[in-house]
Protein backbone atom coordinates (compact mmCIF):
# COMPACT_ATOMS: atom_id res chain seq x y z
CA MET A 1 136.29 69.81 118.17
CA ASN A 2 133.51 68.26 116.12
CA ILE A 3 130.92 70.29 118.11
CA PHE A 4 132.55 73.56 117.04
CA ASN A 5 132.43 72.55 113.38
CA ASN A 6 128.71 71.72 113.65
CA ASN A 7 127.96 75.03 115.36
CA ARG A 8 129.96 76.91 112.77
CA LEU A 9 127.95 75.27 109.97
CA ILE A 10 124.65 76.18 111.66
CA PHE A 11 125.88 79.73 112.20
CA TRP A 12 126.68 80.22 108.50
CA ILE A 13 123.38 78.66 107.44
CA LEU A 14 121.54 81.10 109.72
CA ILE A 15 123.50 84.05 108.30
CA PHE A 16 122.63 82.90 104.77
CA LEU A 17 118.90 82.63 105.63
CA VAL A 18 118.91 86.09 107.23
CA LEU A 19 120.46 87.56 104.08
CA ILE A 20 117.83 85.88 101.90
CA ASN A 21 115.04 87.30 104.08
CA ILE A 22 116.51 90.81 103.99
CA THR A 23 116.84 90.59 100.22
CA ALA A 24 113.24 89.43 99.86
CA LEU A 25 111.96 92.28 102.03
CA ALA A 26 114.01 94.84 100.11
CA THR A 27 112.70 93.49 96.82
CA TYR A 28 109.13 93.72 98.08
CA PHE A 29 109.47 97.32 99.22
CA ILE A 30 111.30 98.43 96.09
CA TYR A 31 109.37 96.67 93.33
CA MET A 32 105.97 95.77 94.73
CA ARG A 33 105.07 99.09 96.30
CA LYS A 34 103.81 101.81 93.95
CA PRO A 35 104.37 105.48 94.67
CA ALA A 36 101.29 107.44 95.74
CA GLY A 37 101.56 109.81 92.76
CA GLU A 38 101.10 107.07 90.18
CA PRO A 39 97.59 106.80 88.70
CA MET A 40 95.58 103.75 89.70
CA PRO A 41 94.62 101.21 87.00
CA GLY A 42 91.01 102.39 86.91
CA SER A 43 91.81 106.10 86.72
CA GLY A 44 90.46 108.43 84.05
CA LEU A 45 93.69 108.55 82.03
CA LYS A 46 93.81 104.78 81.69
CA ARG A 47 90.08 104.59 80.94
CA GLY A 48 90.46 107.01 77.99
CA VAL A 49 93.31 104.98 76.52
CA VAL A 50 91.34 101.73 76.86
CA LEU A 51 88.29 103.27 75.19
CA GLN A 52 90.46 104.64 72.39
CA GLN A 53 91.96 101.21 71.74
CA GLU A 54 88.77 99.19 72.16
CA LEU A 55 86.55 101.47 70.10
CA GLY A 56 89.13 102.51 67.50
CA LEU A 57 88.52 106.22 68.06
CA THR A 58 89.72 108.92 65.71
CA PRO A 59 91.85 111.73 67.19
CA ASP A 60 88.82 114.06 67.26
CA GLN A 61 86.74 111.41 68.99
CA SER A 62 89.55 110.81 71.49
CA LEU A 63 89.60 114.48 72.44
CA ALA A 64 85.84 114.48 72.92
CA VAL A 65 86.00 111.26 74.98
CA ASN A 66 88.77 112.68 77.17
CA LYS A 67 86.69 115.80 77.80
CA ILE A 68 83.63 113.68 78.67
CA ASN A 69 85.69 111.51 81.03
CA ALA A 70 87.20 114.58 82.72
CA THR A 71 83.73 116.04 83.24
CA TYR A 72 82.50 112.72 84.62
CA GLN A 73 85.48 112.44 86.95
CA ALA A 74 84.93 115.96 88.27
CA SER A 75 81.21 115.38 88.85
CA SER A 76 81.47 111.88 90.31
CA GLU A 77 84.41 112.38 92.69
CA PRO A 78 82.42 114.38 95.28
CA ILE A 79 79.60 111.83 95.07
CA VAL A 80 81.98 108.91 95.67
CA GLU A 81 83.52 110.77 98.59
CA ALA A 82 80.05 111.44 100.06
CA ILE A 83 79.22 107.73 99.74
CA ARG A 84 82.42 106.83 101.59
CA GLU A 85 81.64 109.32 104.36
CA LYS A 86 78.07 108.08 104.76
CA LYS A 87 79.24 104.47 104.87
CA ALA A 88 81.84 105.38 107.49
CA GLU A 89 79.11 107.05 109.56
CA LEU A 90 76.97 103.96 109.09
CA LEU A 91 79.75 101.70 110.34
CA ASP A 92 80.37 104.01 113.29
CA GLU A 93 76.70 103.86 114.22
CA LEU A 94 76.67 100.07 113.87
CA SER A 95 79.66 99.72 116.17
CA LYS A 96 78.01 101.68 119.00
CA ASP A 97 76.59 99.81 121.95
CA ASP A 98 73.28 101.66 121.70
CA THR A 99 72.68 101.67 117.95
CA ASP A 100 69.84 103.94 116.89
CA SER A 101 67.80 102.30 114.12
CA ALA A 102 66.36 105.65 113.00
CA VAL A 103 69.88 106.96 112.39
CA LEU A 104 70.75 103.74 110.52
CA ILE A 105 67.71 104.17 108.29
CA GLN A 106 68.59 107.80 107.58
CA LEU A 107 72.23 106.97 106.79
CA THR A 108 71.13 104.11 104.55
CA ASN A 109 68.79 106.44 102.68
CA ASP A 110 71.62 108.96 102.32
CA VAL A 111 73.87 106.26 100.82
CA VAL A 112 71.12 105.17 98.44
CA ASN A 113 70.53 108.77 97.31
CA GLU A 114 74.24 109.30 96.67
CA GLN A 115 74.46 106.02 94.75
CA LYS A 116 71.48 107.13 92.68
CA LYS A 117 73.33 110.37 91.84
CA LEU A 118 76.38 108.33 90.83
CA GLN A 119 74.27 106.06 88.63
CA MET A 120 72.76 109.11 86.94
CA ALA A 121 76.27 110.46 86.32
CA ASN A 122 77.20 107.08 84.79
CA ILE A 123 74.16 107.25 82.52
CA LYS A 124 74.99 110.81 81.46
CA GLN A 125 78.56 109.78 80.68
CA PHE A 126 77.36 106.85 78.57
CA LEU A 127 74.89 109.02 76.65
CA ASP A 128 77.57 111.65 76.02
CA LEU A 129 80.00 108.98 74.81
CA LYS A 130 77.27 107.50 72.63
CA LYS A 131 76.86 110.85 70.85
CA VAL A 132 80.55 110.80 69.90
CA CYS A 133 80.60 107.19 68.65
CA THR A 134 79.55 105.61 65.38
CA PRO A 135 76.86 102.86 65.56
CA GLU A 136 79.53 100.13 65.54
CA GLN A 137 81.50 101.89 68.26
CA THR A 138 78.29 102.34 70.27
CA LEU A 139 77.73 98.58 70.18
CA LYS A 140 81.27 98.00 71.49
CA LEU A 141 80.75 100.70 74.10
CA SER A 142 77.59 98.95 75.28
CA GLN A 143 79.53 95.72 75.62
CA ILE A 144 82.24 97.51 77.63
CA TYR A 145 79.64 98.98 79.97
CA ALA A 146 77.95 95.58 80.28
CA GLY A 147 81.29 94.17 81.40
CA LEU A 148 81.76 97.00 83.89
CA TYR A 149 78.33 96.30 85.34
CA GLY A 150 79.12 92.59 85.58
CA PHE A 151 76.98 91.32 82.72
CA GLU A 152 77.93 89.25 79.75
CA GLN A 153 76.85 90.07 76.22
CA THR A 154 73.14 90.84 76.32
CA GLY A 155 70.64 88.38 74.91
CA LYS A 156 72.88 85.34 75.10
CA GLY A 157 73.00 82.76 77.80
CA LYS A 158 76.12 80.99 78.90
CA GLY A 159 75.25 77.83 77.02
CA GLN A 160 76.30 76.76 73.55
CA GLY A 161 72.93 77.43 71.93
CA LYS A 162 72.09 80.28 69.59
CA GLY A 163 69.20 81.54 71.70
CA ASN A 164 66.56 80.09 69.36
CA GLY A 165 64.79 77.91 71.90
CA LYS A 166 61.02 77.52 71.95
CA GLY A 167 60.71 79.00 75.42
CA TYR A 168 59.56 75.78 77.05
CA ARG A 169 60.68 75.64 80.61
CA ASN A 170 60.94 71.87 80.80
CA ARG A 171 59.80 68.79 78.95
CA PHE A 172 56.23 69.27 80.14
CA GLY A 173 56.11 72.87 78.85
CA GLN A 174 54.18 72.22 75.61
CA GLN A 175 51.58 69.58 76.16
CA LYS A 176 48.58 68.95 74.01
CA PRO A 177 45.23 68.78 75.73
CA ASP A 178 43.87 65.28 76.29
CA SER A 179 41.64 64.12 73.42
CA LYS A 180 39.35 62.09 75.62
């Protein structure tokens, strides 16, 4: 009789654990998954809102910035897609048993050319945005772009100094000639 009570307890514990797992899976699929129609965090709409908040744009400036971003998005999307295609071709060629180095070089050059086009589109976007901004906003815009490119504020190191060092590389950097 005691064996049946132990088995019954294990059975109910297992049922409880199964219910917890099903609930966790349902929660994941309902709340953690985003629908495909929702814009991604880095999309153009979000970017315009961030620029408006960070730069303190006027309504007229916001309209101009949105137009510039839409133009950039339209011009850069085909370039990004071409880069993806070329990289996929590159990976396909790399995975072949008889990889042709001439094809690899050509595909690499194609990727580099597309990335150059994308960089030029980035520069054009920045220059167009710069025309819309005041000098103070342009400084903030430069800092935003520096962050996007992975750089900190220009001209300052990561140390606590003010950047007023003498430029000596080490303690032997400024030595006086021997007076012998």
